[in-house]
Each structure stands twice: as C-alpha cells, then as structure tokens.
Protein backbone atom coordinates (compact mmCIF):
# COMPACT_ATOMS: atom_id res chain seq x y z
CA UNK A 1 154.28 -124.18 -97.92
CA UNK A 2 154.19 -120.62 -95.75
CA UNK A 3 155.09 -122.03 -91.60
CA UNK A 4 152.71 -120.73 -89.97
CA UNK A 5 150.15 -121.82 -92.19
CA UNK A 6 152.26 -126.12 -92.37
CA UNK A 7 152.28 -125.35 -88.72
CA UNK A 8 148.49 -124.45 -88.56
CA UNK A 9 147.49 -127.80 -90.51
CA UNK A 10 149.98 -130.60 -88.52
CA UNK A 11 148.53 -128.82 -85.53
CA UNK A 12 145.08 -129.27 -86.32
CA UNK A 13 142.38 -131.62 -84.19
CA UNK A 14 139.76 -134.38 -85.33
CA UNK A 15 137.08 -134.95 -83.19
CA UNK A 16 135.05 -137.95 -82.67
CA UNK A 17 133.76 -137.96 -85.66
CA UNK A 18 129.08 -138.08 -86.52
CA UNK A 19 128.34 -140.33 -89.29
CA UNK A 20 124.24 -139.61 -91.24
CA UNK A 21 123.69 -141.45 -93.50
CA UNK A 22 125.95 -141.08 -96.79
CA UNK A 23 128.43 -138.47 -95.41
CA UNK A 24 130.80 -138.13 -92.08
CA UNK A 25 131.86 -134.90 -90.39
CA UNK A 26 134.90 -134.77 -88.41
CA UNK A 27 135.03 -131.83 -85.87
CA UNK A 28 137.76 -129.91 -85.95
CA UNK A 29 139.93 -127.77 -82.76
CA UNK A 30 142.50 -126.01 -83.13
CA UNK A 31 144.88 -124.20 -80.25
CA UNK A 32 143.88 -120.34 -79.67
CA UNK A 33 141.09 -118.52 -80.80
CA UNK A 34 140.97 -115.92 -81.75
CA UNK A 35 137.78 -113.11 -81.86
CA UNK A 36 138.29 -109.84 -82.86
CA UNK A 37 136.33 -109.77 -85.72
CA UNK A 38 133.11 -110.83 -86.86
CA UNK A 39 130.76 -112.40 -89.08
CA UNK A 40 129.47 -110.55 -92.49
CA UNK A 41 125.70 -112.03 -90.60
CA UNK A 42 125.71 -110.64 -87.29
CA UNK A 43 127.04 -107.13 -89.31
CA UNK A 44 124.04 -107.30 -91.63
CA UNK A 45 122.15 -108.63 -88.25
CA UNK A 46 123.03 -105.27 -86.18
CA UNK A 47 122.91 -102.95 -88.75
CA UNK A 48 127.09 -102.34 -89.59
CA UNK A 49 127.28 -103.64 -92.92
CA UNK A 50 126.11 -102.28 -95.85
CA UNK A 51 126.45 -103.88 -99.53
CA UNK A 52 125.38 -102.66 -102.44
CA UNK A 53 126.51 -102.80 -106.73
CA UNK A 54 129.96 -100.83 -107.32
CA UNK A 55 126.89 -98.10 -108.90
CA UNK A 56 123.33 -97.79 -110.62
CA UNK A 57 124.68 -100.01 -113.21
CA UNK A 58 126.03 -102.27 -111.79
CA UNK A 59 128.84 -105.12 -112.59
CA UNK A 60 128.66 -108.64 -111.99
CA UNK A 61 132.48 -109.53 -110.81
CA UNK A 62 132.29 -106.80 -108.13
CA UNK A 63 130.28 -105.46 -105.48
CA UNK A 64 130.36 -102.01 -103.02
CA UNK A 65 131.03 -102.62 -98.64
CA UNK A 66 130.70 -100.19 -96.33
CA UNK A 67 132.55 -101.65 -93.09
CA UNK A 68 130.61 -99.73 -90.01
CA UNK A 69 131.57 -101.08 -87.69
CA UNK A 70 134.70 -100.25 -85.11
CA UNK A 71 135.98 -104.05 -86.06
CA UNK A 72 136.53 -106.21 -88.30
CA UNK A 73 134.16 -107.64 -90.54
CA UNK A 74 134.97 -111.38 -91.71
CA UNK A 75 133.84 -112.34 -95.09
CA UNK A 76 133.43 -115.48 -96.46
CA UNK A 77 134.87 -117.20 -99.22
CA UNK A 78 131.99 -118.38 -100.73
CA UNK A 79 129.01 -117.21 -98.59
CA UNK A 80 125.71 -115.88 -101.16
CA UNK A 81 124.31 -112.12 -101.01
CA UNK A 82 120.80 -112.12 -102.10
CA UNK A 83 119.33 -109.15 -104.15
CA UNK A 84 120.60 -105.92 -105.66
CA UNK A 85 120.63 -106.64 -109.49
CA UNK A 86 121.38 -110.32 -108.95
CA UNK A 87 122.70 -112.91 -106.31
CA UNK A 88 126.12 -113.05 -105.73
CA UNK A 89 129.02 -115.17 -104.00
CA UNK A 90 132.49 -114.20 -102.78
CA UNK A 91 135.39 -115.05 -104.22
CA UNK A 92 137.31 -114.95 -101.59
CA UNK A 93 137.17 -114.94 -98.03
CA UNK A 94 138.11 -110.52 -96.57
CA UNK A 95 138.40 -109.58 -93.81
CA UNK A 96 137.16 -106.30 -93.84
CA UNK A 97 138.94 -103.46 -92.19
CA UNK A 98 136.92 -101.17 -89.57
CA UNK A 99 134.86 -98.06 -90.85
CA UNK A 100 136.17 -98.95 -94.77
CA UNK A 101 135.07 -98.88 -98.72
CA UNK A 102 135.92 -102.30 -100.37
CA UNK A 103 135.30 -103.03 -103.19
CA UNK A 104 134.73 -107.08 -103.70
CA UNK A 105 135.44 -109.85 -105.99
CA UNK A 106 132.26 -111.75 -106.13
CA UNK A 107 131.04 -114.64 -108.85
CA UNK A 108 126.61 -114.29 -109.70
CA UNK A 109 124.73 -117.20 -108.78
CA UNK A 110 121.36 -116.17 -110.69
CA UNK A 111 121.97 -115.89 -114.32
CA UNK A 112 118.87 -115.05 -115.16
CA UNK A 113 118.19 -112.16 -113.76
CA UNK A 114 119.92 -108.62 -113.61
CA UNK A 115 117.10 -106.32 -112.65
CA UNK A 116 116.94 -104.60 -108.98
CA UNK A 117 114.69 -106.15 -106.50
CA UNK A 118 116.34 -104.68 -103.45
CA UNK A 119 118.77 -101.22 -103.12
CA UNK A 120 121.33 -103.46 -100.87
CA UNK A 121 122.60 -107.09 -100.82
CA UNK A 122 121.07 -109.52 -97.98
CA UNK A 123 122.84 -112.36 -96.17
CA UNK A 124 120.59 -115.87 -98.17
CA UNK A 125 121.78 -117.77 -95.37
CA UNK A 126 124.28 -119.78 -97.49
CA UNK A 127 127.14 -120.70 -98.59
CA UNK A 128 128.50 -122.40 -102.60
CA UNK A 129 127.54 -125.91 -102.59
CA UNK A 130 130.40 -127.48 -102.22
CA UNK A 131 131.00 -128.17 -105.95
CA UNK A 132 130.35 -124.83 -106.61
CA UNK A 133 132.90 -124.18 -104.66
CA UNK A 134 134.98 -126.19 -105.81
CA UNK A 135 135.49 -125.37 -109.60
CA UNK A 136 135.00 -121.50 -107.98
CA UNK A 137 138.84 -122.33 -105.59
CA UNK A 138 140.30 -123.68 -108.75
CA UNK A 139 139.21 -120.93 -111.37
CA UNK A 140 140.71 -117.75 -108.99
CA UNK A 141 143.76 -119.50 -107.84
CA UNK A 142 144.65 -119.75 -112.11
CA UNK A 143 143.34 -116.05 -111.75
CA UNK A 144 145.80 -115.07 -109.01
CA UNK A 145 148.26 -116.95 -110.79
CA UNK A 146 147.90 -115.61 -114.34
CA UNK A 147 146.23 -112.14 -113.51
CA UNK A 148 147.12 -111.32 -110.56
CA UNK A 149 143.37 -110.54 -109.88
CA UNK A 150 140.74 -112.79 -107.92
CA UNK A 151 138.21 -113.51 -110.87
CA UNK A 152 136.71 -116.99 -111.26
CA UNK A 153 135.79 -118.78 -114.84
CA UNK A 154 131.39 -116.95 -114.01
CA UNK A 155 130.81 -119.95 -116.76
CA UNK A 156 132.78 -122.15 -115.26
CA UNK A 157 129.90 -121.04 -111.85
CA UNK A 158 126.90 -121.31 -113.68
CA UNK A 159 128.78 -124.66 -115.06
CA UNK A 160 128.64 -126.17 -111.72
CA UNK A 161 125.14 -124.45 -110.47
CA UNK A 162 123.28 -126.23 -113.78
CA UNK A 163 124.90 -129.42 -112.90
CA UNK A 164 123.47 -129.44 -109.46
CA UNK A 165 120.82 -128.07 -110.64
CA UNK A 166 119.78 -130.45 -113.25
CA UNK A 167 120.97 -133.67 -111.17
CA UNK A 168 118.17 -132.19 -108.86
CA UNK A 169 115.38 -131.69 -111.11
CA UNK A 170 114.99 -127.40 -110.44
CA UNK A 171 113.74 -125.61 -113.36
CA UNK A 172 114.40 -121.85 -111.87
CA UNK A 173 112.94 -118.81 -113.46
CA UNK A 174 116.29 -117.24 -113.03
CA UNK A 175 118.62 -120.42 -112.75
CA UNK A 176 119.25 -119.36 -109.32
CA UNK A 177 121.60 -121.18 -106.91
CA UNK A 178 119.21 -120.83 -103.68
CA UNK A 179 116.17 -122.44 -105.69
CA UNK A 180 118.06 -125.71 -105.61
CA UNK A 181 118.98 -124.79 -101.24
CA UNK A 182 115.10 -124.07 -101.10
CA UNK A 183 113.91 -127.37 -102.20
CA UNK A 184 115.64 -130.03 -100.51
CA UNK A 185 115.21 -127.69 -96.50
CA UNK A 186 113.56 -130.55 -95.22
CA UNK A 187 115.94 -133.14 -96.05
CA UNK A 188 118.97 -130.60 -95.37
CA UNK A 189 116.70 -129.94 -92.19
CA UNK A 190 117.34 -133.38 -91.21
CA UNK A 191 121.52 -133.12 -91.91
CA UNK A 192 121.73 -129.59 -89.90
CA UNK A 193 120.10 -132.17 -87.01
CA UNK A 194 122.37 -134.80 -87.99
CA UNK A 195 125.99 -132.84 -87.35
CA UNK A 196 125.45 -130.90 -84.72
CA UNK A 197 127.79 -128.24 -82.94
CA UNK A 198 130.17 -129.39 -80.52
CA UNK A 199 132.09 -127.20 -77.64
CA UNK A 200 135.00 -124.53 -79.03
CA UNK A 201 134.50 -126.80 -82.77
CA UNK A 202 135.85 -124.33 -85.12
CA UNK A 203 136.19 -126.33 -88.60
CA UNK A 204 134.51 -129.37 -90.24
CA UNK A 205 136.31 -131.83 -92.36
CA UNK A 206 133.54 -133.74 -94.52
CA UNK A 207 133.18 -137.39 -96.17
CA UNK A 208 130.16 -137.98 -98.58
CA UNK A 209 130.08 -142.14 -99.63
CA UNK A 210 134.28 -143.03 -98.05
CA UNK A 211 135.76 -140.04 -99.52
CA UNK A 212 137.08 -136.17 -98.66
CA UNK A 213 135.39 -133.63 -99.47
CA UNK A 214 137.01 -130.72 -98.39
CA UNK A 215 137.63 -128.60 -94.56
CA UNK A 216 136.67 -125.55 -93.51
CA UNK A 217 138.29 -123.62 -90.43
CA UNK A 218 138.41 -120.43 -88.71
CA UNK A 219 140.63 -118.93 -86.00
CA UNK A 220 137.44 -118.21 -83.77
CA UNK A 221 135.59 -120.60 -82.50
CA UNK A 222 132.36 -118.22 -81.37
CA UNK A 223 132.67 -116.99 -85.91
CA UNK A 224 132.72 -121.12 -86.68
CA UNK A 225 129.42 -121.09 -84.43
CA UNK A 226 127.97 -118.23 -86.67
CA UNK A 227 129.08 -119.87 -89.93
CA UNK A 228 128.14 -123.63 -88.79
CA UNK A 229 125.02 -123.79 -90.07
CA UNK A 230 126.18 -122.67 -94.13
CA UNK A 231 129.30 -124.72 -94.07
CA UNK A 232 127.45 -127.85 -93.26
CA UNK A 233 124.65 -127.28 -95.84
CA UNK A 234 127.06 -127.35 -98.74
CA UNK A 235 128.36 -129.81 -98.33
CA UNK A 236 125.52 -131.90 -97.07
CA UNK A 237 122.98 -130.95 -100.54
CA UNK A 238 126.59 -132.99 -102.06
CA UNK A 239 125.42 -136.02 -99.97
CA UNK A 240 121.77 -135.09 -100.89
CA UNK A 241 122.39 -135.62 -104.21
CA UNK A 242 124.60 -138.47 -104.11
CA UNK A 243 121.82 -140.47 -101.71
CA UNK A 244 118.98 -139.58 -104.68
CA UNK A 245 121.02 -141.23 -107.02
CA UNK A 246 121.45 -144.01 -104.67
CA UNK A 247 125.24 -143.93 -104.69
CA UNK A 248 127.50 -146.16 -102.06
CA UNK A 249 130.39 -146.80 -100.50
CA UNK A 250 131.58 -149.85 -99.86
CA UNK A 251 132.56 -151.51 -96.23
CA UNK A 252 136.33 -150.27 -96.94
CA UNK A 253 135.92 -146.66 -97.09
CA UNK A 254 133.38 -146.52 -94.29
CA UNK A 255 136.42 -148.34 -92.02
CA UNK A 256 138.94 -146.22 -93.21
CA UNK A 257 137.46 -143.38 -92.92
CA UNK A 258 139.65 -141.95 -90.02
CA UNK A 259 142.68 -142.43 -92.61
CA UNK A 260 141.36 -141.29 -95.30
CA UNK A 261 140.56 -138.19 -92.95
CA UNK A 262 144.37 -137.34 -91.86
CA UNK A 263 145.51 -138.56 -95.51
CA UNK A 264 144.29 -135.15 -96.22
CA UNK A 265 144.70 -133.45 -93.70
CA UNK A 266 148.96 -134.08 -94.65
CA UNK A 267 148.58 -133.69 -98.16
CA UNK A 268 146.80 -130.44 -97.51
CA UNK A 269 151.13 -130.08 -95.81
CA UNK A 270 152.16 -130.57 -98.49
CA UNK A 271 150.45 -128.17 -100.56
CA UNK A 272 152.32 -125.73 -103.45
CA UNK A 273 151.50 -122.02 -102.35
CA UNK A 274 151.53 -118.63 -103.96
CA UNK A 275 150.69 -115.84 -100.97
CA UNK A 276 148.58 -112.12 -102.43
CA UNK A 277 147.72 -108.98 -100.91
CA UNK A 278 144.46 -109.78 -99.55
CA UNK A 279 141.92 -107.05 -99.80
CA UNK A 280 140.78 -106.36 -96.62
CA UNK A 281 143.17 -106.94 -94.15
CA UNK A 282 145.94 -109.56 -93.91
CA UNK A 283 147.40 -112.14 -96.79
CA UNK A 284 145.02 -114.84 -99.22
CA UNK A 285 147.26 -117.78 -99.61
CA UNK A 286 146.36 -119.71 -102.47
CA UNK A 287 147.09 -123.61 -102.26
CA UNK A 288 147.28 -127.06 -105.09
CA UNK A 289 148.28 -129.98 -103.65
CA UNK A 290 147.93 -133.84 -104.78
CA UNK A 291 144.26 -133.83 -105.57
CA UNK A 292 143.45 -131.07 -103.62
CA UNK A 293 143.37 -127.00 -104.26
CA UNK A 294 142.21 -124.57 -101.51
CA UNK A 295 143.24 -120.94 -99.78
CA UNK A 296 144.20 -118.86 -96.95
CA UNK A 297 144.09 -116.15 -95.37
CA UNK A 298 146.27 -114.97 -92.72
CA UNK A 299 146.85 -111.49 -91.06
CA UNK A 300 149.72 -110.93 -88.35
CA UNK A 301 150.86 -114.52 -88.28
CA UNK A 302 147.96 -115.86 -87.25
CA UNK A 303 145.10 -118.10 -89.43
CA UNK A 304 141.70 -116.49 -89.88
CA UNK A 305 140.29 -119.08 -92.53
CA UNK A 306 141.44 -122.33 -94.60
CA UNK A 307 139.47 -124.09 -96.99
CA UNK A 308 140.35 -127.20 -98.48
CA UNK A 309 138.91 -129.01 -101.76
CA UNK A 310 139.39 -132.51 -103.31
CA UNK A 311 140.25 -132.03 -107.16
CA UNK A 312 138.02 -133.17 -109.35
CA UNK A 313 138.78 -136.25 -111.05
CA UNK A 314 138.60 -135.94 -114.58
CA UNK A 315 138.20 -140.14 -115.07
CA UNK A 316 134.87 -140.57 -112.53
CA UNK A 317 132.79 -136.98 -113.28
CA UNK A 318 132.75 -134.68 -115.41
CA UNK A 319 130.24 -131.58 -115.28
CA UNK A 320 128.07 -131.43 -118.07
CA UNK A 321 128.29 -128.52 -121.09
CA UNK A 322 125.67 -126.32 -121.05
CA UNK A 323 124.26 -124.15 -124.71
CA UNK A 324 125.74 -119.76 -124.39
CA UNK A 325 124.59 -118.10 -121.44
CA UNK A 326 122.89 -115.17 -121.91
CA UNK A 327 125.03 -112.06 -121.91
CA UNK A 328 125.26 -110.60 -118.21
CA UNK A 329 127.76 -107.47 -118.11
CA UNK A 330 130.62 -109.35 -116.66
C-alpha cells in the first residue's frame, strides 16, 4: 500500500463508541485539517456548480459538471444526484478542478425513469445505501483493473437497490433508491439524533449487530460535518432493515466492539493497492484486503477521502436475482 495512505490509516484515532439499538459508531479523527475545497452541497447551495446530462439525449454512466468556483469541489463516492432523466450516484470520489468542465462516471439509482424532470441535477441529500456502495465499489475496482474505466456493474447496482427495496417492502414506480430512504425517514431521524457530530470529527467506523460494516474518513472536519448526515444515513438504513428482521448481536460481539474496530483498521492497512489517475485532481487508489474492499483519493501527498467496506460473506448472504431490466441507455 502507498506509504502516505498506510501511515494515514495507522495514525487514525478512534473516538468513544456511540450506540443506538443494533448500531455502533466510532467517530474517527486524523492529524491535520485540509479545508482547501468545498463539498457538493456547498457548491450547489451557492450556485457555483452545474450538473447536467452530457447532452440532450443523455447517457446513463456519464454526467457533465461545470465548476464555476475558484476552489476545488469534492464529489464523494456514492453521493446521489436527483433530477434530469434519472437519479445517479458518483462512482468514485472526485476533487473537481476549479473553473473546469468535467465528465464524471456515475451509476443509475432509478431504473424505471428515463425522462426529464429538470434540466439540471440537485443534491438528493443521500449517499447510496451501504449495501449499494459496497457492491458498486467492488465492481468499479474490477472495471479499473480490466478496462481502466470508472464504470460500475449497473445490473449489480440495480439488483442491490431491488434487494434493499424488497427488504424495506417499498414498491416504487421508478424503482428509485431515494424512495426507500423516504419510507424510513422517521427511523433515520432517530439514528441521526443518536449519533451526533463530535468536535473535530472527520469520519465514522460503523458496526451493525456486532460486525464492522465499513468506514469513511475525510481530510477536512468542515467537509465531514456537511457530509455526516448523508454518510450516517447510508449505514443507518442497513441497521434499520436488520433491526426489522429481528437480527440480534450476541453479547461477545458487543463486548468486543473496540477490538473488532481496531482489527478492521489493521486489515485495511494490509490491503493490496492499484493506483490510477483520478478524474479530477490527484490519484485514485483501489484497495482490496482480507474481507474488505475500498478506495481512496490522494492529492499532493495528502489523503482526501478513504472508504472501506466489509465484503460479502457468500455463505451467509446472497443477493436476490431479479428478472431482466428494461433496456435503458448504458
């Protein structure tokens, strides 16, 4: 693994555990604080960024972004964009260059719509659900390894959304991930209040029912404070669905929470790495380790964002199969 990235993970500090029902969160802290960029939400709120289909016809795996800001804008892996011909999520974390026009790689999260509801995209307020991000991350890693492209397995992403929708008992006209979030809004608010942001916090490591799900860490506490609600929702939805299935964590799992969190970080440092040129500034690192998959963005010898997810246990979990999807542009 890249030395800068390995040291960054090694020096990561775990805060005091926060718990609510079957979910536990460790706030994460790192040295330094890079605030030389703004988030997607901040840029959209200030009308400094415009995101549209690449042309009038559109193309599912690509969008066009015009950054009018005089500073870089951070687009986070999994952030959902709503509007235009169908909702999409980012396939990777991108640090957009200031005053630039960029074509970005995305995945569809609303397979039942291919018609304009608006000319440009807005912030949906969501990051793709934990399960969707995990499958998407693994498929993008594979695409980069075999084709050198930041492309997801779109069918796998749709399957993951259908799987989550089925568990949530949500029937959406457009099979939209956003509808699943809206169906659990009250419960998600409870989780939001249970895991408040701490001073200087830059990330979270999440456990559900005694098992580490994953982590997200940013270089800027200011940027993380903006993204905290989105990232928390991504993991909380999984916890809510498991709670509704009455899954239980045993006492040993709960007692060993800190040990498991530390082991996850140790395993992350053992990841095998492939480095690629990012779509924007910096380098995109693709990471695979023992029972985990992840990615990171570095720029000027600084780590901007890291995400790791526990990989699927094929013996205990199998994504449902679904009938063939409608033929949209891919």
